[in-house]
Amino acid sequence: AAEHPRMRLTNETEVDAAIKQLEQD
């Protein structure tokens, strides 16, 4: 997504939060 602006992550914040939550758990 960073290299190709036409492709973007629509829920990057939610996925990042889910990963961090699982790491903490």
PDB file of all heavy atoms in Angstrom:
ATOM      1  N   ALA A   1       0.822  -1.212   0.000  1.00  0.00           N
ATOM      2  CA  ALA A   1       0.000   0.000   0.000  1.00  0.00           C
ATOM      3  C   ALA A   1       0.859   1.266   0.000  1.00  0.00           C
ATOM      4  O   ALA A   1       0.515   2.259  -0.638  1.00  0.00           O
ATOM      5  CB  ALA A   1      -0.940  -0.005   1.206  1.00  0.00           C
ATOM      6  N   ALA A   2       1.985   1.226   0.695  1.00  0.00           N
ATOM      7  CA  ALA A   2       2.872   2.392   0.739  1.00  0.00           C
ATOM      8  C   ALA A   2       3.529   2.640  -0.613  1.00  0.00           C
ATOM      9  O   ALA A   2       3.747   3.783  -1.006  1.00  0.00           O
ATOM     10  CB  ALA A   2       3.941   2.196   1.814  1.00  0.00           C
ATOM     11  N   GLU A   3       3.834   1.565  -1.312  1.00  0.00           N
ATOM     12  CA  GLU A   3       4.506   1.696  -2.601  1.00  0.00           C
ATOM     13  C   GLU A   3       3.540   2.032  -3.730  1.00  0.00           C
ATOM     14  O   GLU A   3       3.926   2.658  -4.711  1.00  0.00           O
ATOM     15  CB  GLU A   3       5.239   0.389  -2.923  1.00  0.00           C
ATOM     16  CG  GLU A   3       6.195   0.503  -4.075  1.00  0.00           C
ATOM     17  CD  GLU A   3       7.038  -0.747  -4.236  1.00  0.00           C
ATOM     18  OE1 GLU A   3       7.421  -1.353  -3.231  1.00  0.00           O
ATOM     19  OE2 GLU A   3       7.308  -1.101  -5.392  1.00  0.00           O
ATOM     20  N   HIS A   4       2.307   1.613  -3.583  1.00  0.00           N
ATOM     21  CA  HIS A   4       1.317   1.818  -4.639  1.00  0.00           C
ATOM     22  C   HIS A   4       0.081   2.476  -4.047  1.00  0.00           C
ATOM     23  O   HIS A   4      -0.809   1.791  -3.552  1.00  0.00           O
ATOM     24  CB  HIS A   4       0.960   0.484  -5.297  1.00  0.00           C
ATOM     25  CG  HIS A   4       2.142  -0.166  -5.921  1.00  0.00           C
ATOM     26  ND1 HIS A   4       2.589   0.190  -7.163  1.00  0.00           N
ATOM     27  CD2 HIS A   4       2.990  -1.110  -5.457  1.00  0.00           C
ATOM     28  CE1 HIS A   4       3.662  -0.535  -7.446  1.00  0.00           C
ATOM     29  NE2 HIS A   4       3.933  -1.321  -6.434  1.00  0.00           N
ATOM     30  N   PRO A   5       0.004   3.792  -4.109  1.00  0.00           N
ATOM     31  CA  PRO A   5      -1.090   4.539  -3.483  1.00  0.00           C
ATOM     32  C   PRO A   5      -2.484   4.119  -3.970  1.00  0.00           C
ATOM     33  O   PRO A   5      -3.463   4.300  -3.265  1.00  0.00           O
ATOM     34  CB  PRO A   5      -0.795   5.990  -3.859  1.00  0.00           C
ATOM     35  CG  PRO A   5       0.630   6.019  -4.243  1.00  0.00           C
ATOM     36  CD  PRO A   5       0.969   4.662  -4.746  1.00  0.00           C
ATOM     37  N   ARG A   6      -2.552   3.557  -5.165  1.00  0.00           N
ATOM     38  CA  ARG A   6      -3.852   3.108  -5.665  1.00  0.00           C
ATOM     39  C   ARG A   6      -4.417   1.965  -4.808  1.00  0.00           C
ATOM     40  O   ARG A   6      -5.627   1.807  -4.688  1.00  0.00           O
ATOM     41  CB  ARG A   6      -3.688   2.642  -7.118  1.00  0.00           C
ATOM     42  CG  ARG A   6      -4.990   2.323  -7.786  1.00  0.00           C
ATOM     43  CD  ARG A   6      -4.777   1.913  -9.209  1.00  0.00           C
ATOM     44  NE  ARG A   6      -5.500   0.678  -9.416  1.00  0.00           N
ATOM     45  CZ  ARG A   6      -5.442  -0.043 -10.493  1.00  0.00           C
ATOM     46  NH1 ARG A   6      -4.659   0.310 -11.467  1.00  0.00           N
ATOM     47  NH2 ARG A   6      -6.147  -1.124 -10.610  1.00  0.00           N
ATOM     48  N   MET A   7      -3.514   1.221  -4.217  1.00  0.00           N
ATOM     49  CA  MET A   7      -3.930   0.145  -3.314  1.00  0.00           C
ATOM     50  C   MET A   7      -3.842   0.683  -1.898  1.00  0.00           C
ATOM     51  O   MET A   7      -2.805   1.164  -1.472  1.00  0.00           O
ATOM     52  CB  MET A   7      -3.009  -1.059  -3.474  1.00  0.00           C
ATOM     53  CG  MET A   7      -3.085  -1.693  -4.812  1.00  0.00           C
ATOM     54  SD  MET A   7      -2.004  -3.128  -4.833  1.00  0.00           S
ATOM     55  CE  MET A   7      -1.969  -3.440  -6.560  1.00  0.00           C
ATOM     56  N   ARG A   8      -4.934   0.588  -1.187  1.00  0.00           N
ATOM     57  CA  ARG A   8      -4.917   1.092   0.182  1.00  0.00           C
ATOM     58  C   ARG A   8      -5.585   0.098   1.109  1.00  0.00           C
ATOM     59  O   ARG A   8      -6.418  -0.711   0.693  1.00  0.00           O
ATOM     60  CB  ARG A   8      -5.590   2.455   0.263  1.00  0.00           C
ATOM     61  CG  ARG A   8      -7.020   2.478  -0.163  1.00  0.00           C
ATOM     62  CD  ARG A   8      -7.571   3.907  -0.196  1.00  0.00           C
ATOM     63  NE  ARG A   8      -8.923   3.882  -0.695  1.00  0.00           N
ATOM     64  CZ  ARG A   8      -9.999   3.695   0.069  1.00  0.00           C
ATOM     65  NH1 ARG A   8      -9.868   3.545   1.355  1.00  0.00           N
ATOM     66  NH2 ARG A   8     -11.201   3.676  -0.462  1.00  0.00           N
ATOM     67  N   LEU A   9      -5.186   0.162   2.349  1.00  0.00           N
ATOM     68  CA  LEU A   9      -5.781  -0.693   3.375  1.00  0.00           C
ATOM     69  C   LEU A   9      -6.979   0.042   3.951  1.00  0.00           C
ATOM     70  O   LEU A   9      -6.839   1.164   4.434  1.00  0.00           O
ATOM     71  CB  LEU A   9      -4.763  -1.004   4.471  1.00  0.00           C
ATOM     72  CG  LEU A   9      -3.496  -1.727   4.017  1.00  0.00           C
ATOM     73  CD1 LEU A   9      -2.525  -1.855   5.175  1.00  0.00           C
ATOM     74  CD2 LEU A   9      -3.823  -3.081   3.448  1.00  0.00           C
ATOM     75  N   THR A  10      -8.119  -0.586   3.898  1.00  0.00           N
ATOM     76  CA  THR A  10      -9.329   0.098   4.344  1.00  0.00           C
ATOM     77  C   THR A  10      -9.549   0.004   5.849  1.00  0.00           C
ATOM     78  O   THR A  10     -10.234   0.832   6.415  1.00  0.00           O
ATOM     79  CB  THR A  10     -10.567  -0.459   3.619  1.00  0.00           C
ATOM     80  OG1 THR A  10     -10.625  -1.873   3.822  1.00  0.00           O
ATOM     81  CG2 THR A  10     -10.501  -0.150   2.131  1.00  0.00           C
ATOM     82  N   ASN A  11      -8.958  -1.009   6.494  1.00  0.00           N
ATOM     83  CA  ASN A  11      -9.161  -1.149   7.938  1.00  0.00           C
ATOM     84  C   ASN A  11      -7.844  -1.404   8.664  1.00  0.00           C
ATOM     85  O   ASN A  11      -7.765  -2.235   9.558  1.00  0.00           O
ATOM     86  CB  ASN A  11     -10.179  -2.247   8.234  1.00  0.00           C
ATOM     87  CG  ASN A  11      -9.763  -3.598   7.697  1.00  0.00           C
ATOM     88  OD1 ASN A  11      -8.841  -3.704   6.891  1.00  0.00           O
ATOM     89  ND2 ASN A  11     -10.428  -4.633   8.141  1.00  0.00           N
ATOM     90  N   GLU A  12      -6.824  -0.671   8.270  1.00  0.00           N
ATOM     91  CA  GLU A  12      -5.493  -0.833   8.852  1.00  0.00           C
ATOM     92  C   GLU A  12      -5.497  -0.645  10.363  1.00  0.00           C
ATOM     93  O   GLU A  12      -4.889  -1.413  11.108  1.00  0.00           O
ATOM     94  CB  GLU A  12      -4.522   0.156   8.198  1.00  0.00           C
ATOM     95  CG  GLU A  12      -3.111   0.049   8.695  1.00  0.00           C
ATOM     96  CD  GLU A  12      -2.149   0.980   7.983  1.00  0.00           C
ATOM     97  OE1 GLU A  12      -2.561   1.706   7.058  1.00  0.00           O
ATOM     98  OE2 GLU A  12      -0.976   0.974   8.358  1.00  0.00           O
ATOM     99  N   THR A  13      -6.209   0.361  10.833  1.00  0.00           N
ATOM    100  CA  THR A  13      -6.252   0.652  12.270  1.00  0.00           C
ATOM    101  C   THR A  13      -6.865  -0.505  13.056  1.00  0.00           C
ATOM    102  O   THR A  13      -6.344  -0.904  14.105  1.00  0.00           O
ATOM    103  CB  THR A  13      -7.053   1.947  12.524  1.00  0.00           C
ATOM    104  OG1 THR A  13      -6.470   2.999  11.736  1.00  0.00           O
ATOM    105  CG2 THR A  13      -7.034   2.339  13.983  1.00  0.00           C
ATOM    106  N   GLU A  14      -7.949  -1.068  12.541  1.00  0.00           N
ATOM    107  CA  GLU A  14      -8.628  -2.169  13.227  1.00  0.00           C
ATOM    108  C   GLU A  14      -7.754  -3.422  13.269  1.00  0.00           C
ATOM    109  O   GLU A  14      -7.678  -4.103  14.293  1.00  0.00           O
ATOM    110  CB  GLU A  14      -9.971  -2.496  12.566  1.00  0.00           C
ATOM    111  CG  GLU A  14     -11.015  -1.413  12.709  1.00  0.00           C
ATOM    112  CD  GLU A  14     -10.920  -0.329  11.632  1.00  0.00           C
ATOM    113  OE1 GLU A  14      -9.965  -0.342  10.821  1.00  0.00           O
ATOM    114  OE2 GLU A  14     -11.790   0.534  11.614  1.00  0.00           O
ATOM    115  N   VAL A  15      -7.092  -3.729  12.153  1.00  0.00           N
ATOM    116  CA  VAL A  15      -6.229  -4.919  12.110  1.00  0.00           C
ATOM    117  C   VAL A  15      -5.052  -4.732  13.052  1.00  0.00           C
ATOM    118  O   VAL A  15      -4.698  -5.644  13.814  1.00  0.00           O
ATOM    119  CB  VAL A  15      -5.757  -5.206  10.667  1.00  0.00           C
ATOM    120  CG1 VAL A  15      -4.726  -6.322  10.640  1.00  0.00           C
ATOM    121  CG2 VAL A  15      -6.932  -5.562   9.777  1.00  0.00           C
ATOM    122  N   ASP A  16      -4.444  -3.560  13.034  1.00  0.00           N
ATOM    123  CA  ASP A  16      -3.323  -3.273  13.923  1.00  0.00           C
ATOM    124  C   ASP A  16      -3.748  -3.406  15.382  1.00  0.00           C
ATOM    125  O   ASP A  16      -3.022  -3.998  16.194  1.00  0.00           O
ATOM    126  CB  ASP A  16      -2.780  -1.871  13.633  1.00  0.00           C
ATOM    127  CG  ASP A  16      -1.466  -1.606  14.322  1.00  0.00           C
ATOM    128  OD1 ASP A  16      -0.564  -2.462  14.251  1.00  0.00           O
ATOM    129  OD2 ASP A  16      -1.332  -0.521  14.936  1.00  0.00           O
ATOM    130  N   ALA A  17      -4.909  -2.889  15.712  1.00  0.00           N
ATOM    131  CA  ALA A  17      -5.414  -2.986  17.092  1.00  0.00           C
ATOM    132  C   ALA A  17      -5.673  -4.439  17.478  1.00  0.00           C
ATOM    133  O   ALA A  17      -5.368  -4.853  18.606  1.00  0.00           O
ATOM    134  CB  ALA A  17      -6.688  -2.160  17.240  1.00  0.00           C
ATOM    135  N   ALA A  18      -6.214  -5.228  16.562  1.00  0.00           N
ATOM    136  CA  ALA A  18      -6.498  -6.647  16.842  1.00  0.00           C
ATOM    137  C   ALA A  18      -5.194  -7.407  17.084  1.00  0.00           C
ATOM    138  O   ALA A  18      -5.108  -8.223  18.009  1.00  0.00           O
ATOM    139  CB  ALA A  18      -7.275  -7.265  15.689  1.00  0.00           C
ATOM    140  N   ILE A  19      -4.192  -7.130  16.282  1.00  0.00           N
ATOM    141  CA  ILE A  19      -2.895  -7.802  16.452  1.00  0.00           C
ATOM    142  C   ILE A  19      -2.278  -7.422  17.787  1.00  0.00           C
ATOM    143  O   ILE A  19      -1.806  -8.286  18.537  1.00  0.00           O
ATOM    144  CB  ILE A  19      -1.946  -7.457  15.278  1.00  0.00           C
ATOM    145  CG1 ILE A  19      -2.406  -8.187  14.018  1.00  0.00           C
ATOM    146  CG2 ILE A  19      -0.500  -7.814  15.617  1.00  0.00           C
ATOM    147  CD1 ILE A  19      -1.666  -7.796  12.753  1.00  0.00           C
ATOM    148  N   LYS A  20      -2.305  -6.152  18.124  1.00  0.00           N
ATOM    149  CA  LYS A  20      -1.747  -5.705  19.406  1.00  0.00           C
ATOM    150  C   LYS A  20      -2.500  -6.312  20.588  1.00  0.00           C
ATOM    151  O   LYS A  20      -1.894  -6.691  21.589  1.00  0.00           O
ATOM    152  CB  LYS A  20      -1.743  -4.178  19.484  1.00  0.00           C
ATOM    153  CG  LYS A  20      -0.679  -3.567  18.608  1.00  0.00           C
ATOM    154  CD  LYS A  20      -0.695  -2.059  18.661  1.00  0.00           C
ATOM    155  CE  LYS A  20       0.407  -1.527  17.748  1.00  0.00           C
ATOM    156  NZ  LYS A  20       0.376  -0.080  17.604  1.00  0.00           N
ATOM    157  N   GLN A  21      -3.816  -6.414  20.461  1.00  0.00           N
ATOM    158  CA  GLN A  21      -4.614  -7.013  21.531  1.00  0.00           C
ATOM    159  C   GLN A  21      -4.251  -8.486  21.710  1.00  0.00           C
ATOM    160  O   GLN A  21      -4.101  -8.963  22.842  1.00  0.00           O
ATOM    161  CB  GLN A  21      -6.113  -6.865  21.241  1.00  0.00           C
ATOM    162  CG  GLN A  21      -7.000  -7.383  22.352  1.00  0.00           C
ATOM    163  CD  GLN A  21      -6.824  -6.622  23.647  1.00  0.00           C
ATOM    164  OE1 GLN A  21      -6.883  -5.405  23.671  1.00  0.00           O
ATOM    165  NE2 GLN A  21      -6.586  -7.320  24.739  1.00  0.00           N
ATOM    166  N   LEU A  22      -4.114  -9.207  20.608  1.00  0.00           N
ATOM    167  CA  LEU A  22      -3.725 -10.620  20.699  1.00  0.00           C
ATOM    168  C   LEU A  22      -2.331 -10.762  21.305  1.00  0.00           C
ATOM    169  O   LEU A  22      -2.100 -11.655  22.135  1.00  0.00           O
ATOM    170  CB  LEU A  22      -3.772 -11.283  19.322  1.00  0.00           C
ATOM    171  CG  LEU A  22      -5.162 -11.594  18.781  1.00  0.00           C
ATOM    172  CD1 LEU A  22      -5.076 -12.094  17.347  1.00  0.00           C
ATOM    173  CD2 LEU A  22      -5.866 -12.624  19.655  1.00  0.00           C
ATOM    174  N   GLU A  23      -1.416  -9.892  20.927  1.00  0.00           N
ATOM    175  CA  GLU A  23      -0.073  -9.931  21.513  1.00  0.00           C
ATOM    176  C   GLU A  23      -0.135  -9.745  23.029  1.00  0.00           C
ATOM    177  O   GLU A  23       0.527 -10.472  23.778  1.00  0.00           O
ATOM    178  CB  GLU A  23       0.819  -8.856  20.898  1.00  0.00           C
ATOM    179  CG  GLU A  23       1.295  -9.152  19.501  1.00  0.00           C
ATOM    180  CD  GLU A  23       2.123  -8.034  18.899  1.00  0.00           C
ATOM    181  OE1 GLU A  23       1.806  -6.842  19.125  1.00  0.00           O
ATOM    182  OE2 GLU A  23       3.089  -8.366  18.202  1.00  0.00           O
ATOM    183  N   GLN A  24      -0.928  -8.791  23.471  1.00  0.00           N
ATOM    184  CA  GLN A  24      -1.070  -8.555  24.914  1.00  0.00           C
ATOM    185  C   GLN A  24      -1.708  -9.761  25.605  1.00  0.00           C
ATOM    186  O   GLN A  24      -1.247 -10.188  26.664  1.00  0.00           O
ATOM    187  CB  GLN A  24      -1.905  -7.305  25.158  1.00  0.00           C
ATOM    188  CG  GLN A  24      -1.204  -6.023  24.805  1.00  0.00           C
ATOM    189  CD  GLN A  24      -2.118  -4.807  24.945  1.00  0.00           C
ATOM    190  OE1 GLN A  24      -3.289  -4.926  25.280  1.00  0.00           O
ATOM    191  NE2 GLN A  24      -1.568  -3.632  24.682  1.00  0.00           N
ATOM    192  N   ASP A  25      -2.766 -10.292  24.997  1.00  0.00           N
ATOM    193  CA  ASP A  25      -3.445 -11.454  25.580  1.00  0.00           C
ATOM    194  C   ASP A  25      -2.504 -12.654  25.669  1.00  0.00           C
ATOM    195  O   ASP A  25      -2.457 -13.347  26.687  1.00  0.00           O
ATOM    196  CB  ASP A  25      -4.681 -11.830  24.754  1.00  0.00           C
ATOM    197  CG  ASP A  25      -5.779 -10.781  24.811  1.00  0.00           C
ATOM    198  OD1 ASP A  25      -5.713  -9.864  25.666  1.00  0.00           O
ATOM    199  OD2 ASP A  25      -6.711 -10.872  23.984  1.00  0.00           O
TER     200      ASP A  25
END
